[in-house]
C-alpha atoms as a PDB file:
ATOM      1  CA  MET A   1      53.808 110.207  86.705  1.00  0.00           C
ATOM      2  CA  SER A   2      55.967 107.161  87.449  1.00  0.00           C
ATOM      3  CA  PRO A   3      54.533 104.482  89.767  1.00  0.00           C
ATOM      4  CA  PRO A   4      55.858 104.455  93.350  1.00  0.00           C
ATOM      5  CA  GLU A   5      58.723 102.130  94.154  1.00  0.00           C
ATOM      6  CA  SER A   6      57.994  98.878  95.957  1.00  0.00           C
ATOM      7  CA  PRO A   7      58.683  98.995  99.701  1.00  0.00           C
ATOM      8  CA  ARG A   8      62.239  97.878 100.520  1.00  0.00           C
ATOM      9  CA  TRP A   9      61.782  97.413 104.243  1.00  0.00           C
ATOM     10  CA  LEU A  10      59.734  95.687 106.912  1.00  0.00           C
ATOM     11  CA  LEU A  11      59.136  97.455 110.213  1.00  0.00           C
ATOM     12  CA  LEU A  12      58.194  96.005 113.577  1.00  0.00           C
ATOM     13  CA  ILE A  13      56.551  98.738 115.646  1.00  0.00           C
ATOM     14  CA  HIS A  14      55.952  97.525 119.178  1.00  0.00           C
ATOM     15  CA  GLN A  15      55.157  98.380 122.763  1.00  0.00           C
ATOM     16  CA  ILE A  16      56.415  96.083 125.531  1.00  0.00           C
ATOM     17  CA  PRO A  17      54.527  95.923 128.851  1.00  0.00           C
ATOM     18  CA  PRO A  18      56.553  96.530 132.068  1.00  0.00           C
ATOM     19  CA  LYS A  19      55.859  92.954 133.206  1.00  0.00           C
ATOM     20  CA  PRO A  20      57.063  90.304 132.831  1.00  0.00           C
ATOM     21  CA  SER A  21      60.459  92.008 133.171  1.00  0.00           C
ATOM     22  CA  TYR A  22      62.284  89.384 131.090  1.00  0.00           C
ATOM     23  CA  LEU A  23      60.181  90.102 127.995  1.00  0.00           C
ATOM     24  CA  ARG A  24      62.166  93.161 126.894  1.00  0.00           C
ATOM     25  CA  VAL A  25      65.425  91.207 127.018  1.00  0.00           C
ATOM     26  CA  LYS A  26      63.846  88.222 125.272  1.00  0.00           C
ATOM     27  CA  VAL A  27      62.459  90.329 122.429  1.00  0.00           C
ATOM     28  CA  GLY A  28      65.726  92.244 122.064  1.00  0.00           C
ATOM     29  CA  ARG A  29      67.712  89.034 121.741  1.00  0.00           C
ATOM     30  CA  ARG A  30      65.219  87.598 119.276  1.00  0.00           C
ATOM     31  CA  LEU A  31      65.423  90.676 117.044  1.00  0.00           C
ATOM     32  CA  GLN A  32      69.212  90.701 117.272  1.00  0.00           C
ATOM     33  CA  ALA A  33      69.293  87.055 116.180  1.00  0.00           C
ATOM     34  CA  LEU A  34      67.209  87.988 113.129  1.00  0.00           C
ATOM     35  CA  GLY A  35      69.662  90.750 112.229  1.00  0.00           C
ATOM     36  CA  ALA A  36      67.080  93.517 112.759  1.00  0.00           C
ATOM     37  CA  VAL A  37      68.377  96.985 113.673  1.00  0.00           C
ATOM     38  CA  PRO A  38      66.553  99.750 115.568  1.00  0.00           C
ATOM     39  CA  VAL A  39      65.631 103.004 113.838  1.00  0.00           C
ATOM     40  CA  LYS A  40      63.711 104.249 116.893  1.00  0.00           C
ATOM     41  CA  ASN A  41      63.358 102.957 120.441  1.00  0.00           C
ATOM     42  CA  SER A  42      60.398 100.761 119.547  1.00  0.00           C
ATOM     43  CA  VAL A  43      60.858 100.418 115.782  1.00  0.00           C
ATOM     44  CA  TYR A  44      63.057  97.729 114.212  1.00  0.00           C
ATOM     45  CA  VAL A  45      63.747  97.228 110.518  1.00  0.00           C
ATOM     46  CA  LEU A  46      64.697  94.330 108.230  1.00  0.00           C
ATOM     47  CA  PRO A  47      65.115  94.148 104.461  1.00  0.00           C
ATOM     48  CA  ARG A  48      61.796  93.078 102.947  1.00  0.00           C
ATOM     49  CA  SER A  49      61.500  89.359 102.187  1.00  0.00           C
ATOM     50  CA  ASP A  50      59.029  86.556 102.800  1.00  0.00           C
ATOM     51  CA  ALA A  51      61.307  85.002 105.426  1.00  0.00           C
ATOM     52  CA  ALA A  52      61.759  88.308 107.256  1.00  0.00           C
ATOM     53  CA  PHE A  53      57.988  88.891 107.216  1.00  0.00           C
ATOM     54  CA  GLU A  54      57.369  85.488 108.784  1.00  0.00           C
ATOM     55  CA  ASP A  55      60.074  86.040 111.403  1.00  0.00           C
ATOM     56  CA  LEU A  56      58.675  89.407 112.467  1.00  0.00           C
ATOM     57  CA  GLN A  57      55.157  87.990 112.577  1.00  0.00           C
ATOM     58  CA  TRP A  58      56.344  85.390 115.095  1.00  0.00           C
ATOM     59  CA  VAL A  59      57.889  88.132 117.237  1.00  0.00           C
ATOM     60  CA  ARG A  60      54.655  90.117 117.038  1.00  0.00           C
ATOM     61  CA  ARG A  61      52.589  87.110 118.134  1.00  0.00           C
ATOM     62  CA  GLU A  62      54.857  86.491 121.124  1.00  0.00           C
ATOM     63  CA  LEU A  63      54.565  90.123 122.151  1.00  0.00           C
ATOM     64  CA  VAL A  64      50.781  90.152 121.862  1.00  0.00           C
ATOM     65  CA  ALA A  65      50.541  86.879 123.808  1.00  0.00           C
ATOM     66  CA  GLU A  66      52.467  88.495 126.671  1.00  0.00           C
ATOM     67  CA  GLY A  67      50.170  91.535 126.762  1.00  0.00           C
ATOM     68  CA  GLY A  68      52.183  93.795 124.480  1.00  0.00           C
ATOM     69  CA  ASP A  69      51.238  95.473 121.227  1.00  0.00           C
ATOM     70  CA  ALA A  70      52.991  95.204 117.862  1.00  0.00           C
ATOM     71  CA  SER A  71      52.484  95.756 114.147  1.00  0.00           C
ATOM     72  CA  VAL A  72      54.461  94.588 111.120  1.00  0.00           C
ATOM     73  CA  CYS A  73      54.326  96.828 108.061  1.00  0.00           C
ATOM     74  CA  GLU A  74      56.044  97.364 104.735  1.00  0.00           C
ATOM     75  CA  ALA A  75      57.724 100.726 104.358  1.00  0.00           C
ATOM     76  CA  ARG A  76      59.531 103.157 102.066  1.00  0.00           C
ATOM     77  CA  PHE A  77      61.456 105.996 103.680  1.00  0.00           C
ATOM     78  CA  VAL A  78      60.477 109.204 101.891  1.00  0.00           C
ATOM     79  CA  GLU A  79      61.989 111.828 104.212  1.00  0.00           C
ATOM     80  CA  GLY A  80      64.398 111.691 107.119  1.00  0.00           C
ATOM     81  CA  LEU A  81      66.268 108.404 107.001  1.00  0.00           C
ATOM     82  CA  SER A  82      67.465 107.361 103.543  1.00  0.00           C
ATOM     83  CA  ASP A  83      67.853 103.816 102.255  1.00  0.00           C
ATOM     84  CA  ALA A  84      71.631 104.302 102.271  1.00  0.00           C
ATOM     85  CA  ALA A  85      71.526 105.382 105.915  1.00  0.00           C
ATOM     86  CA  ILE A  86      69.538 102.284 106.870  1.00  0.00           C
ATOM     87  CA  GLU A  87      71.952 100.052 104.975  1.00  0.00           C
ATOM     88  CA  GLY A  88      74.687 101.779 106.964  1.00  0.00           C
ATOM     89  CA  LEU A  89      72.995 100.717 110.217  1.00  0.00           C
ATOM     90  CA  PHE A  90      73.018  97.088 109.080  1.00  0.00           C
ATOM     91  CA  ASN A  91      76.643  97.305 107.943  1.00  0.00           C
ATOM     92  CA  ALA A  92      77.732  98.892 111.226  1.00  0.00           C
ATOM     93  CA  ALA A  93      76.118  96.056 113.165  1.00  0.00           C
ATOM     94  CA  ARG A  94      77.773  93.373 111.056  1.00  0.00           C
ATOM     95  CA  GLU A  95      81.151  95.123 111.058  1.00  0.00           C
ATOM     96  CA  ALA A  96      81.029  95.076 114.857  1.00  0.00           C
ATOM     97  CA  ASP A  97      80.303  91.333 114.722  1.00  0.00           C
ATOM     98  CA  TYR A  98      83.201  90.748 112.304  1.00  0.00           C
ATOM     99  CA  ALA A  99      85.532  92.865 114.459  1.00  0.00           C
ATOM    100  CA  ALA A 100      84.719  90.759 117.519  1.00  0.00           C
ATOM    101  CA  LEU A 101      85.340  87.558 115.557  1.00  0.00           C
ATOM    102  CA  THR A 102      88.621  88.958 114.221  1.00  0.00           C
ATOM    103  CA  GLN A 103      89.860  89.657 117.744  1.00  0.00           C
ATOM    104  CA  GLU A 104      88.966  86.159 118.912  1.00  0.00           C
ATOM    105  CA  ALA A 105      90.550  84.607 115.804  1.00  0.00           C
ATOM    106  CA  ARG A 106      93.788  86.495 116.457  1.00  0.00           C
ATOM    107  CA  ARG A 107      93.836  85.224 120.038  1.00  0.00           C
ATOM    108  CA  LEU A 108      93.328  81.680 118.783  1.00  0.00           C
ATOM    109  CA  GLN A 109      96.031  82.149 116.151  1.00  0.00           C
ATOM    110  CA  GLY A 110      98.456  83.201 118.874  1.00  0.00           C
ATOM    111  CA  ALA A 111      97.533  80.216 121.020  1.00  0.00           C
ATOM    112  CA  VAL A 112      97.946  77.793 118.106  1.00  0.00           C
ATOM    113  CA  GLY A 113     101.342  79.279 117.294  1.00  0.00           C
ATOM    114  CA  ARG A 114     102.531  78.708 120.858  1.00  0.00           C
ATOM    115  CA  THR A 115     101.441  75.064 120.939  1.00  0.00           C
ATOM    116  CA  ARG A 116     102.648  73.742 117.572  1.00  0.00           C
ATOM    117  CA  PRO A 117     103.375  71.123 116.433  1.00  0.00           C
ATOM    118  CA  ARG A 118     100.244  69.121 117.184  1.00  0.00           C
ATOM    119  CA  PRO A 119      98.252  66.490 115.268  1.00  0.00           C
ATOM    120  CA  ALA A 120      95.528  67.592 112.905  1.00  0.00           C
ATOM    121  CA  GLY A 121      92.101  67.959 114.460  1.00  0.00           C
ATOM    122  CA  LYS A 122      93.418  67.500 118.023  1.00  0.00           C
ATOM    123  CA  GLY A 123      93.223  69.712 121.066  1.00  0.00           C
ATOM    124  CA  ASP A 124      91.287  72.773 122.044  1.00  0.00           C
ATOM    125  CA  GLY A 125      92.464  74.778 119.016  1.00  0.00           C
ATOM    126  CA  ALA A 126      90.496  72.648 116.540  1.00  0.00           C
ATOM    127  CA  ALA A 127      87.345  72.832 118.680  1.00  0.00           C
ATOM    128  CA  ARG A 128      87.633  76.615 119.000  1.00  0.00           C
ATOM    129  CA  LEU A 129      88.138  76.874 115.239  1.00  0.00           C
ATOM    130  CA  VAL A 130      84.915  74.932 114.618  1.00  0.00           C
ATOM    131  CA  ARG A 131      83.025  77.254 116.973  1.00  0.00           C
ATOM    132  CA  LEU A 132      84.437  80.328 115.267  1.00  0.00           C
ATOM    133  CA  ARG A 133      83.458  79.025 111.825  1.00  0.00           C
ATOM    134  CA  LYS A 134      79.944  78.380 113.078  1.00  0.00           C
ATOM    135  CA  ARG A 135      79.664  81.903 114.492  1.00  0.00           C
ATOM    136  CA  LEU A 136      81.059  83.363 111.266  1.00  0.00           C
ATOM    137  CA  ALA A 137      78.413  81.509 109.245  1.00  0.00           C
ATOM    138  CA  GLU A 138      75.717  82.948 111.532  1.00  0.00           C
ATOM    139  CA  VAL A 139      76.990  86.490 110.994  1.00  0.00           C
ATOM    140  CA  ILE A 140      77.272  85.983 107.220  1.00  0.00           C
ATOM    141  CA  ALA A 141      73.621  84.887 107.137  1.00  0.00           C
ATOM    142  CA  LEU A 142      72.670  88.304 108.582  1.00  0.00           C
ATOM    143  CA  ASP A 143      75.083  90.299 106.420  1.00  0.00           C
ATOM    144  CA  PHE A 144      72.406  91.626 104.086  1.00  0.00           C
ATOM    145  CA  PHE A 145      74.542  94.302 102.400  1.00  0.00           C
ATOM    146  CA  ALA A 146      78.023  92.726 102.214  1.00  0.00           C
ATOM    147  CA  SER A 147      79.705  94.823 104.892  1.00  0.00           C
ATOM    148  CA  SER A 148      83.479  94.884 105.176  1.00  0.00           C
ATOM    149  CA  GLY A 149      85.304  92.754 107.728  1.00  0.00           C
ATOM    150  CA  ARG A 150      84.275  89.289 106.614  1.00  0.00           C
ATOM    151  CA  ASP A 151      87.366  88.668 104.487  1.00  0.00           C
ATOM    152  CA  ALA A 152      89.750  89.391 107.356  1.00  0.00           C
ATOM    153  CA  VAL A 153      88.029  86.795 109.547  1.00  0.00           C
ATOM    154  CA  GLU A 154      87.991  84.171 106.788  1.00  0.00           C
ATOM    155  CA  GLY A 155      91.689  84.734 106.122  1.00  0.00           C
ATOM    156  CA  LEU A 156      92.587  84.301 109.782  1.00  0.00           C
ATOM    157  CA  LEU A 157      90.511  81.134 110.097  1.00  0.00           C
ATOM    158  CA  ALA A 158      92.139  79.674 106.978  1.00  0.00           C
ATOM    159  CA  ALA A 159      95.580  80.392 108.449  1.00  0.00           C
ATOM    160  CA  ILE A 160      94.612  78.763 111.754  1.00  0.00           C
ATOM    161  CA  GLU A 161      93.293  75.708 109.915  1.00  0.00           C
ATOM    162  CA  ALA A 162      96.595  75.426 108.024  1.00  0.00           C
ATOM    163  CA  ALA A 163      98.546  75.772 111.287  1.00  0.00           C
ATOM    164  CA  LEU A 164      96.599  72.893 112.838  1.00  0.00           C
ATOM    165  CA  ARG A 165      97.511  70.506 110.007  1.00  0.00           C
ATOM    166  CA  PRO A 166     100.577  68.279 110.340  1.00  0.00           C
ATOM    167  CA  THR A 167     103.716  69.914 108.994  1.00  0.00           C
ATOM    168  CA  SER A 168     103.952  67.348 106.221  1.00  0.00           C
ATOM    169  CA  GLU A 169     100.675  68.618 104.784  1.00  0.00           C
ATOM    170  CA  GLY A 170     101.919  72.189 104.502  1.00  0.00           C
ATOM    171  CA  LYS A 171     102.307  73.533 100.975  1.00  0.00           C
ATOM    172  CA  GLU A 172     105.374  75.486 100.029  1.00  0.00           C
ATOM    173  CA  ARG A 173     104.468  78.813  98.461  1.00  0.00           C
ATOM    174  CA  ARG A 174     106.118  79.317  95.074  1.00  0.00           C
ATOM    175  CA  THR A 175     105.896  82.107  92.590  1.00  0.00           C
ATOM    176  CA  THR A 176     103.043  81.569  90.142  1.00  0.00           C
ATOM    177  CA  PRO A 177     103.902  82.267  86.476  1.00  0.00           C
ATOM    178  CA  THR A 178     101.478  84.794  85.001  1.00  0.00           C
ATOM    179  CA  GLY A 179     101.558  82.981  81.649  1.00  0.00           C
ATOM    180  CA  ASP A 180      99.299  80.281  83.124  1.00  0.00           C
ATOM    181  CA  PHE A 181      96.596  82.838  83.894  1.00  0.00           C
ATOM    182  CA  LYS A 182      95.608  84.571  80.671  1.00  0.00           C
ATOM    183  CA  ARG A 183      92.069  85.300  79.466  1.00  0.00           C
ATOM    184  CA  ARG A 184      90.564  83.671  82.541  1.00  0.00           C
ATOM    185  CA  THR A 185      87.325  84.338  84.386  1.00  0.00           C
ATOM    186  CA  TRP A 186      88.074  85.591  87.886  1.00  0.00           C
ATOM    187  CA  VAL A 187      85.266  84.989  90.381  1.00  0.00           C
ATOM    188  CA  THR A 188      84.639  86.878  93.604  1.00  0.00           C
ATOM    189  CA  ARG A 189      81.763  87.714  95.938  1.00  0.00           C
ATOM    190  CA  GLN A 190      79.196  90.353  95.129  1.00  0.00           C
ATOM    191  CA  GLY A 191      79.443  93.725  96.831  1.00  0.00           C
ATOM    192  CA  VAL A 192      83.132  94.363  96.159  1.00  0.00           C
ATOM    193  CA  HIS A 193      84.997  96.646  98.547  1.00  0.00           C
ATOM    194  CA  VAL A 194      88.576  97.840  98.904  1.00  0.00           C
ATOM    195  CA  ASP A 195      90.495  94.538  98.729  1.00  0.00           C
ATOM    196  CA  ARG A 196      88.460  93.155  95.847  1.00  0.00           C
ATOM    197  CA  MET A 197      88.547  96.465  93.945  1.00  0.00           C
ATOM    198  CA  ALA A 198      92.313  96.682  94.366  1.00  0.00           C
ATOM    199  CA  SER A 199      92.844  93.004  93.558  1.00  0.00           C
ATOM    200  CA  ALA A 200      90.758  93.225  90.393  1.00  0.00           C
ATOM    201  CA  TRP A 201      92.795  96.257  89.271  1.00  0.00           C
ATOM    202  CA  LEU A 202      96.025  94.372  90.029  1.00  0.00           C
ATOM    203  CA  ILE A 203      94.867  91.282  88.109  1.00  0.00           C
ATOM    204  CA  ARG A 204      93.905  93.214  84.996  1.00  0.00           C
ATOM    205  CA  ARG A 205      96.921  95.541  85.173  1.00  0.00           C
ATOM    206  CA  PHE A 206      99.741  93.047  85.835  1.00  0.00           C
ATOM    207  CA  ILE A 207      98.496  89.445  85.649  1.00  0.00           C
ATOM    208  CA  ASP A 208      95.697  88.948  83.112  1.00  0.00           C
ATOM    209  CA  VAL A 209      95.056  91.943  80.841  1.00  0.00           C
ATOM    210  CA  LYS A 210      92.026  90.240  79.257  1.00  0.00           C
ATOM    211  CA  ALA A 211      90.584  89.095  82.604  1.00  0.00           C
ATOM    212  CA  ARG A 212      86.812  88.799  82.923  1.00  0.00           C
ATOM    213  CA  PHE A 213      85.176  89.173  86.334  1.00  0.00           C
ATOM    214  CA  LYS A 214      82.203  87.293  87.683  1.00  0.00           C
ATOM    215  CA  PHE A 215      80.376  88.144  90.904  1.00  0.00           C
ATOM    216  CA  VAL A 216      78.574  85.456  92.878  1.00  0.00           C
ATOM    217  CA  PRO A 217      76.509  85.412  96.087  1.00  0.00           C
ATOM    218  CA  GLY A 218      77.047  83.249  99.102  1.00  0.00           C
ATOM    219  CA  GLN A 219      79.980  81.740 100.914  1.00  0.00           C
ATOM    220  CA  GLU A 220      80.767  78.704  98.773  1.00  0.00           C
ATOM    221  CA  TYR A 221      81.128  78.536  95.005  1.00  0.00           C
ATOM    222  CA  THR A 222      82.366  75.688  92.831  1.00  0.00           C
ATOM    223  CA  PRO A 223      84.332  77.193  89.942  1.00  0.00           C
ATOM    224  CA  ALA A 224      83.656  76.090  86.394  1.00  0.00           C
ATOM    225  CA  ARG A 225      86.517  75.111  84.116  1.00  0.00           C
ATOM    226  CA  GLY A 226      88.804  78.066  83.502  1.00  0.00           C
ATOM    227  CA  GLU A 227      87.482  80.060  86.450  1.00  0.00           C
ATOM    228  CA  LEU A 228      89.628  81.297  89.329  1.00  0.00           C
ATOM    229  CA  ARG A 229      88.303  82.562  92.649  1.00  0.00           C
ATOM    230  CA  PHE A 230      89.798  85.458  94.568  1.00  0.00           C
ATOM    231  CA  ASP A 231      89.051  87.123  97.895  1.00  0.00           C
ATOM    232  CA  MET A 232      86.353  84.665  98.898  1.00  0.00           C
ATOM    233  CA  PHE A 233      85.953  81.425 100.847  1.00  0.00           C
ATOM    234  CA  GLU A 234      88.275  78.603  99.686  1.00  0.00           C
ATOM    235  CA  ALA A 235      89.516  80.737  96.779  1.00  0.00           C
ATOM    236  CA  GLU A 236      92.706  80.041  94.888  1.00  0.00           C
ATOM    237  CA  PHE A 237      93.835  83.535  95.882  1.00  0.00           C
ATOM    238  CA  THR A 238      92.517  84.982  99.128  1.00  0.00           C
ATOM    239  CA  HIS A 239      93.559  86.168 102.581  1.00  0.00           C
ATOM    240  CA  GLU A 240      96.403  84.224 104.143  1.00  0.00           C
ATOM    241  CA  GLY A 241      96.956  84.836 107.830  1.00  0.00           C
ATOM    242  CA  GLU A 242      97.519  88.558 108.386  1.00  0.00           C
ATOM    243  CA  ARG A 243      97.759  89.343 104.654  1.00  0.00           C
ATOM    244  CA  CYS A 244      94.912  90.601 102.510  1.00  0.00           C
ATOM    245  CA  THR A 245      94.278  89.228  99.018  1.00  0.00           C
ATOM    246  CA  PHE A 246      96.091  92.127  97.321  1.00  0.00           C
ATOM    247  CA  GLU A 247      99.257  91.282  99.274  1.00  0.00           C
ATOM    248  CA  VAL A 248      98.893  87.564  98.519  1.00  0.00           C
ATOM    249  CA  LEU A 249      98.555  88.208  94.770  1.00  0.00           C
ATOM    250  CA  ILE A 250     101.695  90.354  94.745  1.00  0.00           C
ATOM    251  CA  GLU A 251     103.673  87.622  96.492  1.00  0.00           C
ATOM    252  CA  ARG A 252     102.281  84.675  94.573  1.00  0.00           C
ATOM    253  CA  PHE A 253     102.907  86.292  91.183  1.00  0.00           C
ATOM    254  CA  GLY A 254     106.280  87.724  92.175  1.00  0.00           C
ATOM    255  CA  LEU A 255     105.358  91.284  91.235  1.00  0.00           C
ATOM    256  CA  LYS A 256     108.400  93.475  91.876  1.00  0.00           C
ATOM    257  CA  GLU A 257     107.107  96.947  90.981  1.00  0.00           C
ATOM    258  CA  ALA A 258     108.146  99.163  93.902  1.00  0.00           C
ATOM    259  CA  ALA A 259     105.021 101.330  93.634  1.00  0.00           C
ATOM    260  CA  LEU A 260     102.837  98.344  94.551  1.00  0.00           C
ATOM    261  CA  GLY A 261     104.371  98.160  98.030  1.00  0.00           C
ATOM    262  CA  PRO A 262     102.788 101.290  99.521  1.00  0.00           C
ATOM    263  CA  ILE A 263      99.478 100.516  97.796  1.00  0.00           C
ATOM    264  CA  ALA A 264      99.472  97.052  99.411  1.00  0.00           C
ATOM    265  CA  GLU A 265     100.082  98.620 102.817  1.00  0.00           C
ATOM    266  CA  ILE A 266      97.226 101.092 102.332  1.00  0.00           C
ATOM    267  CA  VAL A 267      94.816  98.353 101.197  1.00  0.00           C
ATOM    268  CA  HIS A 268      95.897  96.188 104.157  1.00  0.00           C
ATOM    269  CA  ASP A 269      95.275  98.964 106.695  1.00  0.00           C
ATOM    270  CA  ILE A 270      91.809  99.732 105.294  1.00  0.00           C
ATOM    271  CA  ASP A 271      90.729  96.127 104.798  1.00  0.00           C
ATOM    272  CA  LEU A 272      92.024  94.534 107.996  1.00  0.00           C
ATOM    273  CA  LYS A 273      91.587  97.651 110.163  1.00  0.00           C
ATOM    274  CA  ASP A 274      94.648  96.783 112.237  1.00  0.00           C
ATOM    275  CA  ALA A 275      96.778  99.885 111.443  1.00  0.00           C
ATOM    276  CA  ARG A 276      99.715  97.540 110.926  1.00  0.00           C
ATOM    277  CA  PHE A 277     101.515  99.888 108.558  1.00  0.00           C
ATOM    278  CA  GLY A 278     100.060 103.161 109.807  1.00  0.00           C
ATOM    279  CA  ARG A 279      99.730 104.530 106.280  1.00  0.00           C
ATOM    280  CA  PRO A 280      98.391 108.117 106.478  1.00  0.00           C
ATOM    281  CA  GLU A 281      96.854 107.739 102.998  1.00  0.00           C
ATOM    282  CA  ALA A 282      94.439 105.114 104.345  1.00  0.00           C
ATOM    283  CA  ALA A 283      92.440 107.771 106.189  1.00  0.00           C
ATOM    284  CA  GLY A 284      91.670 109.515 102.894  1.00  0.00           C
ATOM    285  CA  LEU A 285      91.227 106.478 100.670  1.00  0.00           C
ATOM    286  CA  ALA A 286      88.834 104.624 103.003  1.00  0.00           C
ATOM    287  CA  PRO A 287      85.919 107.115 102.681  1.00  0.00           C
ATOM    288  CA  LEU A 288      86.584 107.403  98.936  1.00  0.00           C
ATOM    289  CA  ILE A 289      86.221 103.632  98.499  1.00  0.00           C
ATOM    290  CA  ALA A 290      83.148 103.646 100.742  1.00  0.00           C
ATOM    291  CA  GLY A 291      81.664 106.402  98.584  1.00  0.00           C
ATOM    292  CA  ILE A 292      82.240 104.361  95.423  1.00  0.00           C
ATOM    293  CA  ALA A 293      80.411 101.431  97.039  1.00  0.00           C
ATOM    294  CA  MET A 294      77.540 103.718  98.080  1.00  0.00           C
ATOM    295  CA  ARG A 295      77.202 105.277  94.611  1.00  0.00           C
ATOM    296  CA  HIS A 296      77.250 102.016  92.674  1.00  0.00           C
ATOM    297  CA  LYS A 297      75.283  98.860  93.381  1.00  0.00           C
ATOM    298  CA  ASP A 298      76.721  97.304  90.221  1.00  0.00           C
ATOM    299  CA  ASP A 299      80.060  95.603  90.872  1.00  0.00           C
ATOM    300  CA  GLU A 300      81.438  96.284  87.392  1.00  0.00           C
ATOM    301  CA  ALA A 301      80.837  99.999  87.974  1.00  0.00           C
ATOM    302  CA  ARG A 302      82.646  99.751  91.302  1.00  0.00           C
ATOM    303  CA  LEU A 303      85.616  98.050  89.640  1.00  0.00           C
ATOM    304  CA  ALA A 304      85.752 100.680  86.895  1.00  0.00           C
ATOM    305  CA  GLU A 305      85.780 103.630  89.284  1.00  0.00           C
ATOM    306  CA  GLY A 306      87.933 101.881  91.875  1.00  0.00           C
ATOM    307  CA  GLY A 307      90.379 100.827  89.163  1.00  0.00           C
ATOM    308  CA  ALA A 308      90.843 104.457  88.146  1.00  0.00           C
ATOM    309  CA  VAL A 309      91.635 105.343  91.758  1.00  0.00           C
ATOM    310  CA  PHE A 310      94.254 102.606  92.095  1.00  0.00           C
ATOM    311  CA  GLU A 311      95.767 103.438  88.708  1.00  0.00           C
ATOM    312  CA  SER A 312      96.231 107.020  89.901  1.00  0.00           C
ATOM    313  CA  LEU A 313      97.740 105.824  93.183  1.00  0.00           C
ATOM    314  CA  TYR A 314     100.138 103.616  91.258  1.00  0.00           C
ATOM    315  CA  GLU A 315     101.210 106.515  89.051  1.00  0.00           C
ATOM    316  CA  TYR A 316     101.755 108.692  92.126  1.00  0.00           C
ATOM    317  CA  PHE A 317     103.948 106.180  93.958  1.00  0.00           C
ATOM    318  CA  LYS A 318     105.807 105.300  90.741  1.00  0.00           C
ATOM    319  CA  ARG A 319     106.864 108.908  90.256  1.00  0.00           C
ATOM    320  CA  LYS A 320     107.367 109.757  93.909  1.00  0.00           C
ATOM    321  CA  ARG A 321     110.948 109.421  95.093  1.00  0.00           C
END
């Protein structure tokens, strides 16, 4: 008989007294700031870690000091809720956070566009950008399972930052010759989803047939010699304004294959969730990509299965009149 798996989760099970009345709001805000999600009215969950254990212990002590009751325990879910369902709760919470940031970033982008030109670092736009970056970093710190939505926000903020620079600092976009990018290591964030799956397929199919992929945690990564970053913070190839990484790669490398156009629109609609192109195929591809991510924790496995999907899409649009 195989030994039982180690508990993946920490639970805070609590009862809050009716008075003081502010305590319920205070505890709710504290748990929200930790990134905890409710699985029952009085049960909150976090991924198991030493830091999470300490954080929940502090919440428990505050509750007990105010006359409440609370316990912190390690848990495995055997029946009822599955681990995948709990991860889905965390991802839904973070996707809502990213969606709110995306809306605010688009409002700021519109305001910056109406007030250009202006000196770098001046005015309310720069201050709002700093606040948005700070809020994004806070959400990323609670994004335990690499939910979608982060890349769209980072792309918008990068475009706003570029718009706030003096015109003389702007860089003219030119086509990048593929011959300069052979047998390279392409680096991206762990937990690949639709844009990174599609971009990796595009890289290996049209840009660098012998490409190797490396997956790294965190927001910032300093590339080693010969490495190129894509679809991540400060990458050589990533979101630019309203365009996802897949679209940017097509433009930067001057890829003219007509079948790539509809694929780019589908990836855009799924990744940025703005229905810009209204591609009907997006409604079917989105759950398929989500299913690949749910089935495979390993990013190479996700790229292999996702690559087969995009290869089939390419063949379909290539043959379709």
